[in-house]
Amino acid sequence: MTDNTCNGWRNAATWTVNLWFGDTWADDTENGIDVTAEYCREMVDAYVFERIGEDNGFIWDMLDLCSVDWDELAEHHADMMEGADA
């Protein structure tokens, strides 16, 4: 069995999404926005759709967004907020 973790995250896809969006979600959390798994996924989907549209199936397939652990991202930002409140 291989270890597919990446920099402490479940996998490279999850780490990469947090690398690109984590600061925004941290700001959102500080501003009282509930950064849920659905919120994270919708933001990333909107960002990608805005840039490549829906007619680029090849690019969508290559993104591997199905591998992103959206729950891990949401939990990470919830934990960050709890740590800031302490």
PDB file of N, CA and C in Angstrom:
ATOM      1  N   MET A   1       0.842  -1.179   0.000  1.00  0.00           N
ATOM      2  CA  MET A   1       0.000   0.000   0.000  1.00  0.00           C
ATOM      3  C   MET A   1       0.889   1.244   0.000  1.00  0.00           C
ATOM      4  N   THR A   2       0.588   2.198  -0.881  1.00  0.00           N
ATOM      5  CA  THR A   2       1.381   3.413  -0.955  1.00  0.00           C
ATOM      6  C   THR A   2       0.700   4.532  -0.188  1.00  0.00           C
ATOM      7  N   ASP A   3       1.499   5.459   0.285  1.00  0.00           N
ATOM      8  CA  ASP A   3       0.995   6.618   0.999  1.00  0.00           C
ATOM      9  C   ASP A   3       0.835   7.748  -0.011  1.00  0.00           C
ATOM     10  N   ASN A   4      -0.400   8.139  -0.288  1.00  0.00           N
ATOM     11  CA  ASN A   4      -0.668   9.174  -1.278  1.00  0.00           C
ATOM     12  C   ASN A   4      -0.868  10.544  -0.658  1.00  0.00           C
ATOM     13  N   THR A   5      -0.546  10.705   0.627  1.00  0.00           N
ATOM     14  CA  THR A   5      -0.733  11.999   1.254  1.00  0.00           C
ATOM     15  C   THR A   5       0.228  13.009   0.638  1.00  0.00           C
ATOM     16  N   CYS A   6      -0.118  14.273   0.795  1.00  0.00           N
ATOM     17  CA  CYS A   6       0.701  15.337   0.216  1.00  0.00           C
ATOM     18  C   CYS A   6       0.756  16.510   1.178  1.00  0.00           C
ATOM     19  N   ASN A   7       1.917  16.756   1.726  1.00  0.00           N
ATOM     20  CA  ASN A   7       2.119  17.877   2.640  1.00  0.00           C
ATOM     21  C   ASN A   7       1.100  17.913   3.774  1.00  0.00           C
ATOM     22  N   GLY A   8       0.769  16.745   4.293  1.00  0.00           N
ATOM     23  CA  GLY A   8      -0.160  16.649   5.409  1.00  0.00           C
ATOM     24  C   GLY A   8      -1.620  16.570   5.013  1.00  0.00           C
ATOM     25  N   TRP A   9      -1.922  16.671   3.743  1.00  0.00           N
ATOM     26  CA  TRP A   9      -3.285  16.578   3.247  1.00  0.00           C
ATOM     27  C   TRP A   9      -3.536  15.184   2.706  1.00  0.00           C
ATOM     28  N   ARG A  10      -4.817  14.837   2.559  1.00  0.00           N
ATOM     29  CA  ARG A  10      -5.191  13.491   2.122  1.00  0.00           C
ATOM     30  C   ARG A  10      -4.551  13.110   0.786  1.00  0.00           C
ATOM     31  N   ASN A  11      -4.486  14.054  -0.151  1.00  0.00           N
ATOM     32  CA  ASN A  11      -3.901  13.780  -1.462  1.00  0.00           C
ATOM     33  C   ASN A  11      -3.476  15.091  -2.115  1.00  0.00           C
ATOM     34  N   ALA A  12      -2.817  14.985  -3.247  1.00  0.00           N
ATOM     35  CA  ALA A  12      -2.308  16.173  -3.933  1.00  0.00           C
ATOM     36  C   ALA A  12      -3.426  17.087  -4.416  1.00  0.00           C
ATOM     37  N   ALA A  13      -4.542  16.513  -4.840  1.00  0.00           N
ATOM     38  CA  ALA A  13      -5.650  17.336  -5.323  1.00  0.00           C
ATOM     39  C   ALA A  13      -6.193  18.229  -4.202  1.00  0.00           C
ATOM     40  N   THR A  14      -6.354  17.672  -3.017  1.00  0.00           N
ATOM     41  CA  THR A  14      -6.856  18.441  -1.876  1.00  0.00           C
ATOM     42  C   THR A  14      -5.850  19.501  -1.467  1.00  0.00           C
ATOM     43  N   TRP A  15      -4.581  19.146  -1.424  1.00  0.00           N
ATOM     44  CA  TRP A  15      -3.531  20.098  -1.073  1.00  0.00           C
ATOM     45  C   TRP A  15      -3.492  21.254  -2.075  1.00  0.00           C
ATOM     46  N   THR A  16      -3.591  20.934  -3.363  1.00  0.00           N
ATOM     47  CA  THR A  16      -3.522  21.962  -4.398  1.00  0.00           C
ATOM     48  C   THR A  16      -4.690  22.929  -4.305  1.00  0.00           C
ATOM     49  N   VAL A  17      -5.890  22.404  -4.092  1.00  0.00           N
ATOM     50  CA  VAL A  17      -7.053  23.273  -3.956  1.00  0.00           C
ATOM     51  C   VAL A  17      -6.878  24.193  -2.747  1.00  0.00           C
ATOM     52  N   ASN A  18      -6.406  23.663  -1.632  1.00  0.00           N
ATOM     53  CA  ASN A  18      -6.187  24.516  -0.469  1.00  0.00           C
ATOM     54  C   ASN A  18      -5.086  25.541  -0.724  1.00  0.00           C
ATOM     55  N   LEU A  19      -4.079  25.158  -1.458  1.00  0.00           N
ATOM     56  CA  LEU A  19      -2.994  26.082  -1.790  1.00  0.00           C
ATOM     57  C   LEU A  19      -3.532  27.299  -2.541  1.00  0.00           C
ATOM     58  N   TRP A  20      -4.450  27.058  -3.452  1.00  0.00           N
ATOM     59  CA  TRP A  20      -4.991  28.132  -4.280  1.00  0.00           C
ATOM     60  C   TRP A  20      -6.132  28.898  -3.619  1.00  0.00           C
ATOM     61  N   PHE A  21      -6.933  28.245  -2.805  1.00  0.00           N
ATOM     62  CA  PHE A  21      -8.127  28.879  -2.250  1.00  0.00           C
ATOM     63  C   PHE A  21      -8.098  29.054  -0.739  1.00  0.00           C
ATOM     64  N   GLY A  22      -7.128  28.458  -0.069  1.00  0.00           N
ATOM     65  CA  GLY A  22      -7.099  28.467   1.393  1.00  0.00           C
ATOM     66  C   GLY A  22      -7.119  29.843   2.020  1.00  0.00           C
ATOM     67  N   ASP A  23      -6.385  30.793   1.462  1.00  0.00           N
ATOM     68  CA  ASP A  23      -6.379  32.143   2.036  1.00  0.00           C
ATOM     69  C   ASP A  23      -7.750  32.796   1.934  1.00  0.00           C
ATOM     70  N   THR A  24      -8.414  32.580   0.804  1.00  0.00           N
ATOM     71  CA  THR A  24      -9.762  33.128   0.630  1.00  0.00           C
ATOM     72  C   THR A  24     -10.712  32.525   1.652  1.00  0.00           C
ATOM     73  N   TRP A  25     -10.631  31.199   1.835  1.00  0.00           N
ATOM     74  CA  TRP A  25     -11.521  30.544   2.795  1.00  0.00           C
ATOM     75  C   TRP A  25     -11.187  30.944   4.221  1.00  0.00           C
ATOM     76  N   ALA A  26      -9.928  31.187   4.515  1.00  0.00           N
ATOM     77  CA  ALA A  26      -9.554  31.658   5.854  1.00  0.00           C
ATOM     78  C   ALA A  26     -10.170  33.036   6.098  1.00  0.00           C
ATOM     79  N   ASP A  27     -10.093  33.923   5.096  1.00  0.00           N
ATOM     80  CA  ASP A  27     -10.718  35.243   5.223  1.00  0.00           C
ATOM     81  C   ASP A  27     -12.225  35.122   5.374  1.00  0.00           C
ATOM     82  N   ASP A  28     -12.828  34.244   4.567  1.00  0.00           N
ATOM     83  CA  ASP A  28     -14.275  34.041   4.660  1.00  0.00           C
ATOM     84  C   ASP A  28     -14.663  33.569   6.056  1.00  0.00           C
ATOM     85  N   THR A  29     -13.899  32.631   6.600  1.00  0.00           N
ATOM     86  CA  THR A  29     -14.173  32.112   7.934  1.00  0.00           C
ATOM     87  C   THR A  29     -14.087  33.226   8.969  1.00  0.00           C
ATOM     88  N   GLU A  30     -13.050  34.054   8.863  1.00  0.00           N
ATOM     89  CA  GLU A  30     -12.896  35.172   9.796  1.00  0.00           C
ATOM     90  C   GLU A  30     -14.038  36.165   9.687  1.00  0.00           C
ATOM     91  N   ASN A  31     -14.638  36.245   8.497  1.00  0.00           N
ATOM     92  CA  ASN A  31     -15.756  37.164   8.275  1.00  0.00           C
ATOM     93  C   ASN A  31     -17.113  36.535   8.568  1.00  0.00           C
ATOM     94  N   GLY A  32     -17.097  35.374   9.210  1.00  0.00           N
ATOM     95  CA  GLY A  32     -18.329  34.749   9.656  1.00  0.00           C
ATOM     96  C   GLY A  32     -19.034  33.876   8.641  1.00  0.00           C
ATOM     97  N   ILE A  33     -18.395  33.624   7.514  1.00  0.00           N
ATOM     98  CA  ILE A  33     -18.993  32.750   6.505  1.00  0.00           C
ATOM     99  C   ILE A  33     -18.731  31.309   6.894  1.00  0.00           C
ATOM    100  N   ASP A  34     -19.757  30.491   6.799  1.00  0.00           N
ATOM    101  CA  ASP A  34     -19.639  29.072   7.117  1.00  0.00           C
ATOM    102  C   ASP A  34     -19.005  28.358   5.923  1.00  0.00           C
ATOM    103  N   VAL A  35     -17.723  28.074   6.023  1.00  0.00           N
ATOM    104  CA  VAL A  35     -16.981  27.440   4.941  1.00  0.00           C
ATOM    105  C   VAL A  35     -17.195  25.931   5.030  1.00  0.00           C
ATOM    106  N   THR A  36     -18.234  25.485   4.352  1.00  0.00           N
ATOM    107  CA  THR A  36     -18.595  24.071   4.332  1.00  0.00           C
ATOM    108  C   THR A  36     -17.952  23.391   3.128  1.00  0.00           C
ATOM    109  N   ALA A  37     -18.048  22.080   3.092  1.00  0.00           N
ATOM    110  CA  ALA A  37     -17.544  21.330   1.948  1.00  0.00           C
ATOM    111  C   ALA A  37     -18.254  21.780   0.671  1.00  0.00           C
ATOM    112  N   GLU A  38     -19.556  21.972   0.749  1.00  0.00           N
ATOM    113  CA  GLU A  38     -20.323  22.410  -0.418  1.00  0.00           C
ATOM    114  C   GLU A  38     -19.888  23.800  -0.868  1.00  0.00           C
ATOM    115  N   TYR A  39     -19.655  24.690   0.075  1.00  0.00           N
ATOM    116  CA  TYR A  39     -19.190  26.045  -0.231  1.00  0.00           C
ATOM    117  C   TYR A  39     -17.857  25.990  -0.979  1.00  0.00           C
ATOM    118  N   CYS A  40     -16.941  25.175  -0.483  1.00  0.00           N
ATOM    119  CA  CYS A  40     -15.632  25.042  -1.121  1.00  0.00           C
ATOM    120  C   CYS A  40     -15.762  24.509  -2.543  1.00  0.00           C
ATOM    121  N   ARG A  41     -16.525  23.459  -2.693  1.00  0.00           N
ATOM    122  CA  ARG A  41     -16.687  22.845  -4.016  1.00  0.00           C
ATOM    123  C   ARG A  41     -17.339  23.815  -4.994  1.00  0.00           C
ATOM    124  N   GLU A  42     -18.381  24.507  -4.559  1.00  0.00           N
ATOM    125  CA  GLU A  42     -19.061  25.449  -5.447  1.00  0.00           C
ATOM    126  C   GLU A  42     -18.134  26.582  -5.877  1.00  0.00           C
ATOM    127  N   MET A  43     -17.296  27.049  -4.957  1.00  0.00           N
ATOM    128  CA  MET A  43     -16.372  28.126  -5.304  1.00  0.00           C
ATOM    129  C   MET A  43     -15.356  27.655  -6.348  1.00  0.00           C
ATOM    130  N   VAL A  44     -14.818  26.476  -6.154  1.00  0.00           N
ATOM    131  CA  VAL A  44     -13.836  25.948  -7.101  1.00  0.00           C
ATOM    132  C   VAL A  44     -14.498  25.673  -8.450  1.00  0.00           C
ATOM    133  N   ASP A  45     -15.664  25.065  -8.436  1.00  0.00           N
ATOM    134  CA  ASP A  45     -16.379  24.807  -9.690  1.00  0.00           C
ATOM    135  C   ASP A  45     -16.653  26.108 -10.445  1.00  0.00           C
ATOM    136  N   ALA A  46     -17.097  27.144  -9.744  1.00  0.00           N
ATOM    137  CA  ALA A  46     -17.384  28.432 -10.379  1.00  0.00           C
ATOM    138  C   ALA A  46     -16.117  29.044 -10.961  1.00  0.00           C
ATOM    139  N   TYR A  47     -15.028  28.951 -10.217  1.00  0.00           N
ATOM    140  CA  TYR A  47     -13.751  29.493 -10.680  1.00  0.00           C
ATOM    141  C   TYR A  47     -13.302  28.806 -11.970  1.00  0.00           C
ATOM    142  N   VAL A  48     -13.364  27.489 -11.983  1.00  0.00           N
ATOM    143  CA  VAL A  48     -12.930  26.733 -13.153  1.00  0.00           C
ATOM    144  C   VAL A  48     -13.875  26.987 -14.324  1.00  0.00           C
ATOM    145  N   PHE A  49     -15.169  26.964 -14.059  1.00  0.00           N
ATOM    146  CA  PHE A  49     -16.151  27.182 -15.123  1.00  0.00           C
ATOM    147  C   PHE A  49     -15.954  28.546 -15.767  1.00  0.00           C
ATOM    148  N   GLU A  50     -15.676  29.560 -14.950  1.00  0.00           N
ATOM    149  CA  GLU A  50     -15.464  30.916 -15.450  1.00  0.00           C
ATOM    150  C   GLU A  50     -14.277  30.980 -16.411  1.00  0.00           C
ATOM    151  N   ARG A  51     -13.293  30.157 -16.159  1.00  0.00           N
ATOM    152  CA  ARG A  51     -12.083  30.208 -16.968  1.00  0.00           C
ATOM    153  C   ARG A  51     -12.089  29.279 -18.177  1.00  0.00           C
ATOM    154  N   ILE A  52     -12.747  28.137 -18.074  1.00  0.00           N
ATOM    155  CA  ILE A  52     -12.689  27.194 -19.202  1.00  0.00           C
ATOM    156  C   ILE A  52     -14.047  26.842 -19.787  1.00  0.00           C
ATOM    157  N   GLY A  53     -15.120  27.222 -19.125  1.00  0.00           N
ATOM    158  CA  GLY A  53     -16.448  26.905 -19.634  1.00  0.00           C
ATOM    159  C   GLY A  53     -16.781  25.436 -19.471  1.00  0.00           C
ATOM    160  N   GLU A  54     -17.915  25.058 -20.011  1.00  0.00           N
ATOM    161  CA  GLU A  54     -18.352  23.673 -19.845  1.00  0.00           C
ATOM    162  C   GLU A  54     -18.018  22.810 -21.057  1.00  0.00           C
ATOM    163  N   ASP A  55     -17.584  23.427 -22.145  1.00  0.00           N
ATOM    164  CA  ASP A  55     -17.334  22.680 -23.380  1.00  0.00           C
ATOM    165  C   ASP A  55     -15.934  22.097 -23.467  1.00  0.00           C
ATOM    166  N   ASN A  56     -15.182  22.179 -22.421  1.00  0.00           N
ATOM    167  CA  ASN A  56     -13.815  21.656 -22.416  1.00  0.00           C
ATOM    168  C   ASN A  56     -13.743  20.417 -21.540  1.00  0.00           C
ATOM    169  N   GLY A  57     -14.450  19.380 -21.957  1.00  0.00           N
ATOM    170  CA  GLY A  57     -14.533  18.149 -21.183  1.00  0.00           C
ATOM    171  C   GLY A  57     -13.187  17.549 -20.845  1.00  0.00           C
ATOM    172  N   PHE A  58     -12.249  17.636 -21.772  1.00  0.00           N
ATOM    173  CA  PHE A  58     -10.918  17.089 -21.531  1.00  0.00           C
ATOM    174  C   PHE A  58     -10.270  17.766 -20.324  1.00  0.00           C
ATOM    175  N   ILE A  59     -10.341  19.072 -20.279  1.00  0.00           N
ATOM    176  CA  ILE A  59      -9.717  19.802 -19.161  1.00  0.00           C
ATOM    177  C   ILE A  59     -10.438  19.477 -17.855  1.00  0.00           C
ATOM    178  N   TRP A  60     -11.777  19.443 -17.884  1.00  0.00           N
ATOM    179  CA  TRP A  60     -12.521  19.080 -16.678  1.00  0.00           C
ATOM    180  C   TRP A  60     -12.101  17.704 -16.186  1.00  0.00           C
ATOM    181  N   ASP A  61     -11.960  16.759 -17.096  1.00  0.00           N
ATOM    182  CA  ASP A  61     -11.556  15.407 -16.717  1.00  0.00           C
ATOM    183  C   ASP A  61     -10.154  15.386 -16.126  1.00  0.00           C
ATOM    184  N   MET A  62      -9.267  16.204 -16.633  1.00  0.00           N
ATOM    185  CA  MET A  62      -7.888  16.234 -16.163  1.00  0.00           C
ATOM    186  C   MET A  62      -7.754  16.887 -14.786  1.00  0.00           C
ATOM    187  N   LEU A  63      -8.718  17.683 -14.404  1.00  0.00           N
ATOM    188  CA  LEU A  63      -8.632  18.394 -13.126  1.00  0.00           C
ATOM    189  C   LEU A  63      -8.712  17.480 -11.920  1.00  0.00           C
ATOM    190  N   ASP A  64      -9.371  16.369 -12.038  1.00  0.00           N
ATOM    191  CA  ASP A  64      -9.473  15.398 -10.948  1.00  0.00           C
ATOM    192  C   ASP A  64     -10.110  15.993  -9.694  1.00  0.00           C
ATOM    193  N   LEU A  65     -11.127  16.811  -9.878  1.00  0.00           N
ATOM    194  CA  LEU A  65     -11.803  17.413  -8.730  1.00  0.00           C
ATOM    195  C   LEU A  65     -12.557  16.384  -7.904  1.00  0.00           C
ATOM    196  N   CYS A  66     -12.812  15.220  -8.469  1.00  0.00           N
ATOM    197  CA  CYS A  66     -13.473  14.157  -7.705  1.00  0.00           C
ATOM    198  C   CYS A  66     -12.576  13.604  -6.607  1.00  0.00           C
ATOM    199  N   SER A  67     -11.279  13.808  -6.722  1.00  0.00           N
ATOM    200  CA  SER A  67     -10.341  13.321  -5.713  1.00  0.00           C
ATOM    201  C   SER A  67     -10.171  14.281  -4.546  1.00  0.00           C
ATOM    202  N   VAL A  68     -10.666  15.497  -4.697  1.00  0.00           N
ATOM    203  CA  VAL A  68     -10.523  16.488  -3.637  1.00  0.00           C
ATOM    204  C   VAL A  68     -11.383  16.073  -2.445  1.00  0.00           C
ATOM    205  N   ASP A  69     -10.808  16.107  -1.269  1.00  0.00           N
ATOM    206  CA  ASP A  69     -11.544  15.808  -0.045  1.00  0.00           C
ATOM    207  C   ASP A  69     -12.130  17.121   0.478  1.00  0.00           C
ATOM    208  N   TRP A  70     -13.324  17.435  -0.006  1.00  0.00           N
ATOM    209  CA  TRP A  70     -13.977  18.697   0.341  1.00  0.00           C
ATOM    210  C   TRP A  70     -14.254  18.781   1.839  1.00  0.00           C
ATOM    211  N   ASP A  71     -14.580  17.657   2.454  1.00  0.00           N
ATOM    212  CA  ASP A  71     -14.820  17.646   3.901  1.00  0.00           C
ATOM    213  C   ASP A  71     -13.550  18.002   4.668  1.00  0.00           C
ATOM    214  N   GLU A  72     -12.414  17.490   4.222  1.00  0.00           N
ATOM    215  CA  GLU A  72     -11.150  17.814   4.896  1.00  0.00           C
ATOM    216  C   GLU A  72     -10.870  19.312   4.817  1.00  0.00           C
ATOM    217  N   LEU A  73     -11.122  19.911   3.666  1.00  0.00           N
ATOM    218  CA  LEU A  73     -10.910  21.353   3.511  1.00  0.00           C
ATOM    219  C   LEU A  73     -11.801  22.145   4.463  1.00  0.00           C
ATOM    220  N   ALA A  74     -13.078  21.781   4.511  1.00  0.00           N
ATOM    221  CA  ALA A  74     -14.010  22.494   5.389  1.00  0.00           C
ATOM    222  C   ALA A  74     -13.615  22.321   6.858  1.00  0.00           C
ATOM    223  N   GLU A  75     -13.256  21.108   7.245  1.00  0.00           N
ATOM    224  CA  GLU A  75     -12.853  20.847   8.627  1.00  0.00           C
ATOM    225  C   GLU A  75     -11.589  21.629   8.988  1.00  0.00           C
ATOM    226  N   HIS A  76     -10.668  21.717   8.058  1.00  0.00           N
ATOM    227  CA  HIS A  76      -9.429  22.459   8.295  1.00  0.00           C
ATOM    228  C   HIS A  76      -9.736  23.920   8.627  1.00  0.00           C
ATOM    229  N   HIS A  77     -10.620  24.529   7.854  1.00  0.00           N
ATOM    230  CA  HIS A  77     -10.926  25.940   8.078  1.00  0.00           C
ATOM    231  C   HIS A  77     -11.794  26.143   9.315  1.00  0.00           C
ATOM    232  N   ALA A  78     -12.633  25.187   9.638  1.00  0.00           N
ATOM    233  CA  ALA A  78     -13.394  25.259  10.892  1.00  0.00           C
ATOM    234  C   ALA A  78     -12.436  25.153  12.077  1.00  0.00           C
ATOM    235  N   ASP A  79     -11.457  24.248  11.985  1.00  0.00           N
ATOM    236  CA  ASP A  79     -10.471  24.091  13.052  1.00  0.00           C
ATOM    237  C   ASP A  79      -9.627  25.352  13.210  1.00  0.00           C
ATOM    238  N   MET A  80      -9.292  25.998  12.091  1.00  0.00           N
ATOM    239  CA  MET A  80      -8.519  27.231  12.148  1.00  0.00           C
ATOM    240  C   MET A  80      -9.303  28.308  12.909  1.00  0.00           C
ATOM    241  N   MET A  81     -10.606  28.379  12.661  1.00  0.00           N
ATOM    242  CA  MET A  81     -11.438  29.375  13.317  1.00  0.00           C
ATOM    243  C   MET A  81     -11.536  29.080  14.809  1.00  0.00           C
ATOM    244  N   GLU A  82     -11.687  27.807  15.159  1.00  0.00           N
ATOM    245  CA  GLU A  82     -11.745  27.444  16.585  1.00  0.00           C
ATOM    246  C   GLU A  82     -10.443  27.796  17.279  1.00  0.00           C
ATOM    247  N   GLY A  83      -9.317  27.588  16.596  1.00  0.00           N
ATOM    248  CA  GLY A  83      -8.025  27.925  17.158  1.00  0.00           C
ATOM    249  C   GLY A  83      -7.858  29.421  17.341  1.00  0.00           C
ATOM    250  N   ALA A  84      -8.451  30.204  16.446  1.00  0.00           N
ATOM    251  CA  ALA A  84      -8.366  31.655  16.545  1.00  0.00           C
ATOM    252  C   ALA A  84      -9.221  32.190  17.688  1.00  0.00           C
ATOM    253  N   ASP A  85     -10.292  31.470  18.014  1.00  0.00           N
ATOM    254  CA  ASP A  85     -11.182  31.895  19.103  1.00  0.00           C
ATOM    255  C   ASP A  85     -10.591  31.594  20.474  1.00  0.00           C
ATOM    256  N   ALA A  86      -9.640  30.667  20.533  1.00  0.00           N
ATOM    257  CA  ALA A  86      -9.089  30.232  21.823  1.00  0.00           C
ATOM    258  C   ALA A  86      -8.206  31.280  22.437  1.00  0.00           C
TER     259      ALA A  86
END
